[in-house]
């Protein structure tokens, strides 16, 4: 069986590898090259060195969107993971209707980002409208509107991952802890959380990268308003590339910096949380 797998592995792996090279590796290399060029189309690209990267730091919208995205990501990573873990703890208890509740919490993740954005725009503008305000009136309203939307969409998905992790914890550990006199709080901190670290690693990675890459919901809910104060990095890159004549190369340079930043943060987080994992 092992010989057969090794023999036919290239046949099955080659189409996927080819698609990965064509759909990701080649465009990424081309994108890095274009970040050093001035262009309107790929065919008229003219190499200008680091000029585009220098122009980025003179653009105040980029720096603001960077800090806005970083703050948003920190808040959503904490809220989503705490809420998802709490819900998972509740829904791993043996009571009637747990599967129904799991389905209800998971359903928002099935809705597209644009639809979610416009739906929550109607809901939140209706709430804030009672006070004479809208999401586009204040950057703080827009920020917390995005946080609410993100939490509502992703808590259910992360909940499923946490439930799988909680159900994999051996029951013998809890039984031994109870015999030794441990109370529920001690069991949570000494058993449940350490043994759930693989799930925490995955969920933190997903929420971190999703927070930085958020685009659809930002576009639909606030579109960066008021005055680009709620514009996140992904939306800022798109607006730079398509909204400013002669700034296509700058938009591409922003995209390269964005990719490197997300990769560094994701790898650092993954390495940090994996060191906390407990071998079962």
Protein backbone atom coordinates (compact mmCIF):
# COMPACT_ATOMS: atom_id res chain seq x y z
CA UNK A 1 0.00 0.00 0.00
CA UNK A 2 2.81 2.38 0.89
CA UNK A 3 4.60 1.63 -2.38
CA UNK A 4 1.39 2.28 -4.32
CA UNK A 5 0.87 5.62 -2.57
CA UNK A 6 4.43 6.72 -3.38
CA UNK A 7 4.03 5.55 -6.99
CA UNK A 8 0.80 7.40 -7.73
CA UNK A 9 1.34 10.40 -5.46
CA UNK A 10 2.72 12.66 -8.25
CA UNK A 11 -0.33 11.89 -10.42
CA UNK A 12 -2.75 13.13 -7.76
CA UNK A 13 -0.55 15.95 -6.41
CA UNK A 14 0.48 17.44 -9.76
CA UNK A 15 -2.90 19.03 -10.71
CA UNK A 16 -3.24 20.69 -7.28
CA UNK A 17 0.39 21.85 -7.34
CA UNK A 18 -0.03 23.19 -10.87
CA UNK A 19 -3.19 25.09 -9.89
CA UNK A 20 -1.39 26.50 -6.83
CA UNK A 21 1.52 27.72 -8.93
CA UNK A 22 -0.73 29.28 -11.60
CA UNK A 23 -3.28 30.74 -9.17
CA UNK A 24 -0.99 31.92 -6.35
CA UNK A 25 2.78 31.67 -6.81
CA UNK A 26 2.98 33.22 -10.28
CA UNK A 27 0.58 36.14 -9.53
CA UNK A 28 2.37 36.78 -6.23
CA UNK A 29 5.78 37.03 -7.93
CA UNK A 30 4.28 39.27 -10.62
CA UNK A 31 2.67 41.43 -7.93
CA UNK A 32 5.97 41.87 -6.09
CA UNK A 33 7.63 42.95 -9.34
CA UNK A 34 4.82 45.43 -10.14
CA UNK A 35 5.23 47.01 -6.70
CA UNK A 36 8.56 48.37 -8.00
CA UNK A 37 6.96 49.77 -11.16
CA UNK A 38 4.72 52.56 -12.37
CA UNK A 39 1.98 51.18 -14.61
CA UNK A 40 -1.63 51.39 -15.72
CA UNK A 41 -1.60 47.89 -17.25
CA UNK A 42 0.92 45.07 -16.88
CA UNK A 43 2.20 45.60 -20.44
CA UNK A 44 3.34 49.20 -19.81
CA UNK A 45 5.04 48.65 -16.43
CA UNK A 46 8.14 50.82 -15.94
CA UNK A 47 10.64 49.97 -13.18
CA UNK A 48 11.05 52.82 -10.65
CA UNK A 49 12.77 51.06 -7.76
CA UNK A 50 11.61 51.91 -4.24
CA UNK A 51 9.67 55.02 -5.27
CA UNK A 52 6.26 53.39 -4.61
CA UNK A 53 7.29 52.22 -1.16
CA UNK A 54 8.48 55.73 -0.31
CA UNK A 55 5.13 57.23 -1.38
CA UNK A 56 3.24 54.88 0.96
CA UNK A 57 4.50 56.59 4.10
CA UNK A 58 3.48 60.01 2.80
CA UNK A 59 -0.11 58.76 2.52
CA UNK A 60 -1.87 59.48 5.85
CA UNK A 61 -4.80 57.21 4.94
CA UNK A 62 -2.52 54.16 4.94
CA UNK A 63 -1.11 54.83 8.40
CA UNK A 64 -4.60 55.47 9.81
CA UNK A 65 -6.04 52.33 8.22
CA UNK A 66 -3.08 50.33 9.58
CA UNK A 67 -3.72 51.43 13.18
CA UNK A 68 -7.49 51.11 12.77
CA UNK A 69 -7.10 47.56 11.46
CA UNK A 70 -4.65 46.63 14.23
CA UNK A 71 -7.02 47.90 16.93
CA UNK A 72 -9.99 46.17 15.31
CA UNK A 73 -8.07 42.89 15.08
CA UNK A 74 -6.98 42.96 18.73
CA UNK A 75 -10.54 43.62 19.93
CA UNK A 76 -12.17 40.99 17.69
CA UNK A 77 -9.56 38.29 18.41
CA UNK A 78 -10.21 38.64 22.14
CA UNK A 79 -14.01 38.93 21.94
CA UNK A 80 -14.58 36.20 19.36
CA UNK A 81 -12.39 33.64 21.12
CA UNK A 82 -13.76 34.37 24.61
CA UNK A 83 -17.38 34.25 23.41
CA UNK A 84 -16.84 31.18 21.22
CA UNK A 85 -15.09 29.29 24.04
CA UNK A 86 -17.85 30.21 26.51
CA UNK A 87 -20.57 29.06 24.12
CA UNK A 88 -18.65 25.86 23.40
CA UNK A 89 -18.42 25.12 27.13
CA UNK A 90 -22.18 25.54 27.46
CA UNK A 91 -22.99 23.45 24.39
CA UNK A 92 -20.79 20.51 25.45
CA UNK A 93 -23.04 20.02 28.48
CA UNK A 94 -25.63 17.28 28.21
CA UNK A 95 -28.97 19.03 27.85
CA UNK A 96 -31.76 18.87 25.32
CA UNK A 97 -31.39 20.84 22.10
CA UNK A 98 -27.61 21.26 22.01
CA UNK A 99 -27.40 20.32 18.31
CA UNK A 100 -30.10 22.88 17.47
CA UNK A 101 -28.24 25.62 19.30
CA UNK A 102 -24.97 24.68 17.58
CA UNK A 103 -26.67 24.99 14.21
CA UNK A 104 -28.19 28.35 15.10
CA UNK A 105 -24.85 29.78 16.25
CA UNK A 106 -23.07 28.43 13.16
CA UNK A 107 -25.57 29.72 10.57
CA UNK A 108 -24.29 33.36 10.35
CA UNK A 109 -20.99 32.03 9.03
CA UNK A 110 -22.83 30.74 5.94
CA UNK A 111 -23.95 34.24 4.92
CA UNK A 112 -21.77 36.26 2.54
CA UNK A 113 -19.88 39.29 3.82
CA UNK A 114 -21.63 41.80 1.54
CA UNK A 115 -25.08 40.57 2.59
CA UNK A 116 -24.07 40.67 6.25
CA UNK A 117 -22.72 44.18 5.87
CA UNK A 118 -25.87 45.62 4.35
CA UNK A 119 -28.10 43.70 6.77
CA UNK A 120 -26.27 44.98 9.84
CA UNK A 121 -26.13 48.45 8.32
CA UNK A 122 -29.94 48.52 8.36
CA UNK A 123 -30.09 47.10 11.89
CA UNK A 124 -27.43 49.34 13.45
CA UNK A 125 -28.49 52.49 11.64
CA UNK A 126 -31.98 51.83 12.97
CA UNK A 127 -30.62 51.60 16.53
CA UNK A 128 -28.24 54.55 16.28
CA UNK A 129 -30.85 56.48 14.32
CA UNK A 130 -32.90 56.72 17.50
CA UNK A 131 -30.15 58.99 18.84
CA UNK A 132 -29.86 60.98 15.62
CA UNK A 133 -26.68 59.15 14.57
CA UNK A 134 -25.68 56.61 11.90
CA UNK A 135 -22.66 54.35 11.33
CA UNK A 136 -21.18 56.88 8.91
CA UNK A 137 -21.67 59.78 11.33
CA UNK A 138 -18.99 58.70 13.81
CA UNK A 139 -15.85 56.59 13.48
CA UNK A 140 -16.51 55.04 16.91
CA UNK A 141 -19.98 53.90 15.80
CA UNK A 142 -18.46 52.43 12.64
CA UNK A 143 -15.73 50.67 14.60
CA UNK A 144 -18.10 48.99 17.05
CA UNK A 145 -20.52 48.20 14.24
CA UNK A 146 -17.75 46.28 12.49
CA UNK A 147 -16.84 44.53 15.75
CA UNK A 148 -20.46 43.46 16.35
CA UNK A 149 -20.79 42.19 12.78
CA UNK A 150 -17.50 40.26 12.93
CA UNK A 151 -18.35 38.65 16.26
CA UNK A 152 -21.84 37.68 15.12
CA UNK A 153 -20.44 36.05 11.99
CA UNK A 154 -17.44 34.19 13.39
CA UNK A 155 -18.34 33.14 16.95
CA UNK A 156 -20.32 30.14 15.66
CA UNK A 157 -17.51 28.92 13.44
CA UNK A 158 -14.90 29.14 16.19
CA UNK A 159 -17.40 27.51 18.56
CA UNK A 160 -17.38 24.36 16.40
CA UNK A 161 -13.58 24.15 16.61
CA UNK A 162 -13.64 24.64 20.37
CA UNK A 163 -16.35 22.00 20.80
CA UNK A 164 -14.20 19.50 18.89
CA UNK A 165 -11.26 20.33 21.16
CA UNK A 166 -13.29 20.09 24.36
CA UNK A 167 -14.78 16.74 23.37
CA UNK A 168 -11.28 15.32 22.78
CA UNK A 169 -10.23 15.93 26.40
CA UNK A 170 -10.16 12.57 28.27
CA UNK A 171 -12.87 12.36 30.92
CA UNK A 172 -10.45 10.55 33.23
CA UNK A 173 -8.65 13.84 33.86
CA UNK A 174 -11.79 15.48 35.24
CA UNK A 175 -12.64 12.41 37.30
CA UNK A 176 -9.17 12.33 38.84
CA UNK A 177 -9.32 16.06 39.53
CA UNK A 178 -12.68 15.76 41.29
CA UNK A 179 -11.36 12.91 43.42
CA UNK A 180 -8.45 15.18 44.43
CA UNK A 181 -10.95 17.85 45.47
CA UNK A 182 -10.68 20.25 42.52
CA UNK A 183 -13.61 22.62 42.04
CA UNK A 184 -15.05 23.58 38.60
CA UNK A 185 -12.96 26.74 38.40
CA UNK A 186 -9.74 24.83 39.06
CA UNK A 187 -10.73 22.23 36.47
CA UNK A 188 -11.25 25.03 33.92
CA UNK A 189 -7.86 26.66 34.50
CA UNK A 190 -5.81 23.52 35.16
CA UNK A 191 -7.36 21.05 32.69
CA UNK A 192 -9.77 22.55 30.17
CA UNK A 193 -7.73 25.54 29.01
CA UNK A 194 -4.32 23.78 28.80
CA UNK A 195 -5.84 20.80 26.97
CA UNK A 196 -7.71 23.15 24.59
CA UNK A 197 -4.56 24.93 23.42
CA UNK A 198 -4.54 23.25 19.95
CA UNK A 199 -8.05 24.64 19.35
CA UNK A 200 -7.02 28.02 20.76
CA UNK A 201 -4.05 28.06 18.36
CA UNK A 202 -6.28 27.41 15.35
CA UNK A 203 -9.00 29.87 16.36
CA UNK A 204 -6.53 32.62 17.23
CA UNK A 205 -4.81 32.15 13.88
CA UNK A 206 -8.11 32.33 11.98
CA UNK A 207 -9.47 35.34 13.84
CA UNK A 208 -6.15 37.18 13.56
CA UNK A 209 -5.85 36.71 9.80
CA UNK A 210 -9.57 37.30 9.20
CA UNK A 211 -9.41 40.55 11.17
CA UNK A 212 -6.58 41.93 9.05
CA UNK A 213 -8.06 40.69 5.76
CA UNK A 214 -11.58 42.02 6.36
CA UNK A 215 -12.90 43.67 3.19
CA UNK A 216 -16.47 42.76 2.18
CA UNK A 217 -18.04 43.69 5.51
CA UNK A 218 -16.06 46.92 5.72
CA UNK A 219 -17.13 47.90 2.21
CA UNK A 220 -20.82 47.13 2.79
CA UNK A 221 -21.19 48.40 6.37
CA UNK A 222 -19.31 51.73 6.36
CA UNK A 223 -17.30 51.96 3.10
CA UNK A 224 -14.65 53.72 5.17
CA UNK A 225 -16.92 56.60 6.16
CA UNK A 226 -16.84 59.13 7.67
CA UNK A 227 -13.90 60.63 5.73
CA UNK A 228 -12.07 57.29 5.48
CA UNK A 229 -11.91 57.07 9.29
CA UNK A 230 -13.25 53.47 9.29
CA UNK A 231 -11.27 52.35 6.24
CA UNK A 232 -9.38 49.13 6.93
CA UNK A 233 -6.19 48.00 5.20
CA UNK A 234 -7.76 45.80 2.52
CA UNK A 235 -10.25 48.52 1.54
CA UNK A 236 -7.49 51.16 1.59
CA UNK A 237 -5.40 49.08 -0.82
CA UNK A 238 -8.31 48.63 -3.24
CA UNK A 239 -9.20 52.34 -3.09
CA UNK A 240 -5.56 53.30 -3.71
CA UNK A 241 -5.20 50.93 -6.66
CA UNK A 242 -8.49 51.72 -8.40
CA UNK A 243 -9.38 55.15 -7.03
CA UNK A 244 -6.24 57.21 -7.67
CA UNK A 245 -4.73 57.75 -11.12
CA UNK A 246 -1.03 57.00 -11.16
CA UNK A 247 -1.14 55.23 -7.80
CA UNK A 248 -1.47 51.67 -9.11
CA UNK A 249 2.13 50.87 -8.19
CA UNK A 250 1.63 52.35 -4.71
CA UNK A 251 -1.47 50.21 -4.23
CA UNK A 252 0.54 47.15 -5.26
CA UNK A 253 3.35 48.09 -2.85
CA UNK A 254 0.78 48.43 -0.06
CA UNK A 255 -0.50 44.94 -0.91
CA UNK A 256 3.02 43.49 -0.62
CA UNK A 257 3.58 45.16 2.77
CA UNK A 258 0.13 43.95 3.85
CA UNK A 259 0.96 40.35 2.88
CA UNK A 260 4.30 40.40 4.70
CA UNK A 261 2.74 41.95 7.81
CA UNK A 262 -0.07 39.39 8.05
CA UNK A 263 2.37 36.51 7.42
CA UNK A 264 4.76 37.67 10.16
CA UNK A 265 1.97 38.18 12.71
CA UNK A 266 0.32 34.85 11.88
CA UNK A 267 3.58 32.89 12.10
CA UNK A 268 4.57 34.60 15.36
CA UNK A 269 1.17 33.91 16.91
CA UNK A 270 1.21 30.31 15.71
CA UNK A 271 4.67 29.71 17.17
CA UNK A 272 3.77 31.40 20.47
CA UNK A 273 0.55 29.48 21.09
CA UNK A 274 2.01 26.14 19.98
CA UNK A 275 4.61 26.37 22.75
CA UNK A 276 1.73 26.37 25.24
CA UNK A 277 0.16 23.18 23.93
CA UNK A 278 0.06 20.12 26.17
CA UNK A 279 0.79 16.69 24.74
CA UNK A 280 -2.05 14.28 25.48
